[in-house]
């Protein structure tokens, strides 16, 4: 559960960071999450996501795994038919 929270926090930090600039309490929370995230060498999280588009009647669920090396700014996302890798400078699919 903690890993999932950290991954979600990591993924939403860029979006919420812009809103947190005027809220000191939010800024402190984001700083704490960032500190905790950077304390881990490798983070692995299994996830599922659902695409739901009523216009095209698309309802699809897919599972994957996310690996993150916070200190090295590297990540790898593994899906059923796709794999994404980043070395912090380049991204491959």
Protein backbone atom coordinates (compact mmCIF):
# COMPACT_ATOMS: atom_id res chain seq x y z
CA UNK A 1 0.00 0.00 0.00
CA UNK A 2 2.85 2.40 0.81
CA UNK A 3 4.49 1.68 -2.53
CA UNK A 4 1.26 2.42 -4.37
CA UNK A 5 0.88 5.70 -2.46
CA UNK A 6 4.42 6.70 -3.33
CA UNK A 7 3.98 5.89 -7.01
CA UNK A 8 0.71 7.78 -7.19
CA UNK A 9 2.28 10.69 -5.37
CA UNK A 10 5.25 10.61 -7.73
CA UNK A 11 3.04 10.58 -10.81
CA UNK A 12 0.77 13.38 -9.58
CA UNK A 13 3.51 15.57 -8.10
CA UNK A 14 4.15 17.58 -11.31
CA UNK A 15 0.44 18.38 -11.59
CA UNK A 16 -0.14 19.15 -7.93
CA UNK A 17 3.15 20.97 -7.46
CA UNK A 18 1.86 23.93 -9.49
CA UNK A 19 -1.19 24.19 -7.22
CA UNK A 20 0.89 23.81 -4.08
CA UNK A 21 2.96 26.93 -4.64
CA UNK A 22 0.50 29.09 -2.71
CA UNK A 23 -0.37 26.53 -0.02
CA UNK A 24 2.42 26.05 2.57
CA UNK A 25 0.86 22.92 4.10
CA UNK A 26 0.54 21.25 0.69
CA UNK A 27 4.10 22.23 -0.17
CA UNK A 28 5.32 20.63 3.08
CA UNK A 29 3.41 17.41 2.33
CA UNK A 30 4.88 17.23 -1.18
CA UNK A 31 8.37 17.82 0.20
CA UNK A 32 7.90 14.96 2.68
CA UNK A 33 6.65 12.60 -0.05
CA UNK A 34 9.59 13.58 -2.25
CA UNK A 35 12.04 12.94 0.61
CA UNK A 36 10.53 9.51 1.29
CA UNK A 37 10.50 8.64 -2.43
CA UNK A 38 14.18 9.55 -2.81
CA UNK A 39 15.08 7.38 0.20
CA UNK A 40 14.26 4.22 -1.79
CA UNK A 41 16.77 2.80 -4.27
CA UNK A 42 14.26 0.82 -6.35
CA UNK A 43 10.48 0.96 -6.26
CA UNK A 44 8.30 -1.68 -7.93
CA UNK A 45 4.57 -1.27 -8.31
CA UNK A 46 2.03 -3.48 -10.02
CA UNK A 47 -0.94 -1.52 -11.36
CA UNK A 48 -4.06 -1.72 -13.49
CA UNK A 49 -5.69 1.05 -15.44
CA UNK A 50 -8.98 1.31 -17.28
CA UNK A 51 -9.71 3.20 -20.47
CA UNK A 52 -13.36 4.12 -20.75
CA UNK A 53 -14.57 6.09 -23.77
CA UNK A 54 -18.37 6.19 -24.05
CA UNK A 55 -18.25 7.76 -27.52
CA UNK A 56 -16.43 4.79 -29.03
CA UNK A 57 -17.87 2.30 -26.52
CA UNK A 58 -14.34 1.38 -25.47
CA UNK A 59 -13.92 -0.13 -22.01
CA UNK A 60 -10.52 -1.73 -21.63
CA UNK A 61 -8.52 -2.71 -18.56
CA UNK A 62 -4.81 -3.38 -18.69
CA UNK A 63 -2.27 -4.43 -16.06
CA UNK A 64 1.38 -3.53 -15.84
CA UNK A 65 4.43 -3.14 -13.64
CA UNK A 66 6.40 0.01 -12.92
CA UNK A 67 10.04 -0.06 -11.81
CA UNK A 68 11.65 3.20 -10.71
CA UNK A 69 15.22 4.02 -9.67
CA UNK A 70 14.65 7.38 -8.03
CA UNK A 71 18.26 8.33 -7.43
CA UNK A 72 19.24 7.51 -11.01
CA UNK A 73 16.07 9.06 -12.51
CA UNK A 74 15.39 5.84 -14.45
CA UNK A 75 12.17 3.93 -14.94
CA UNK A 76 10.70 0.96 -16.77
CA UNK A 77 7.03 0.29 -17.46
CA UNK A 78 6.02 -3.20 -18.58
CA UNK A 79 2.60 -3.73 -20.15
CA UNK A 80 1.22 -6.80 -21.90
CA UNK A 81 2.24 -5.66 -25.39
CA UNK A 82 4.53 -2.71 -24.71
CA UNK A 83 7.59 -1.83 -22.67
CA UNK A 84 8.83 1.70 -21.96
CA UNK A 85 12.30 2.45 -20.63
CA UNK A 86 14.05 5.67 -19.66
CA UNK A 87 17.62 6.26 -18.58
CA UNK A 88 16.80 9.77 -17.39
CA UNK A 89 17.79 11.34 -20.71
CA UNK A 90 16.20 9.15 -23.39
CA UNK A 91 12.99 7.14 -23.59
CA UNK A 92 12.46 3.95 -25.58
CA UNK A 93 9.23 2.13 -26.36
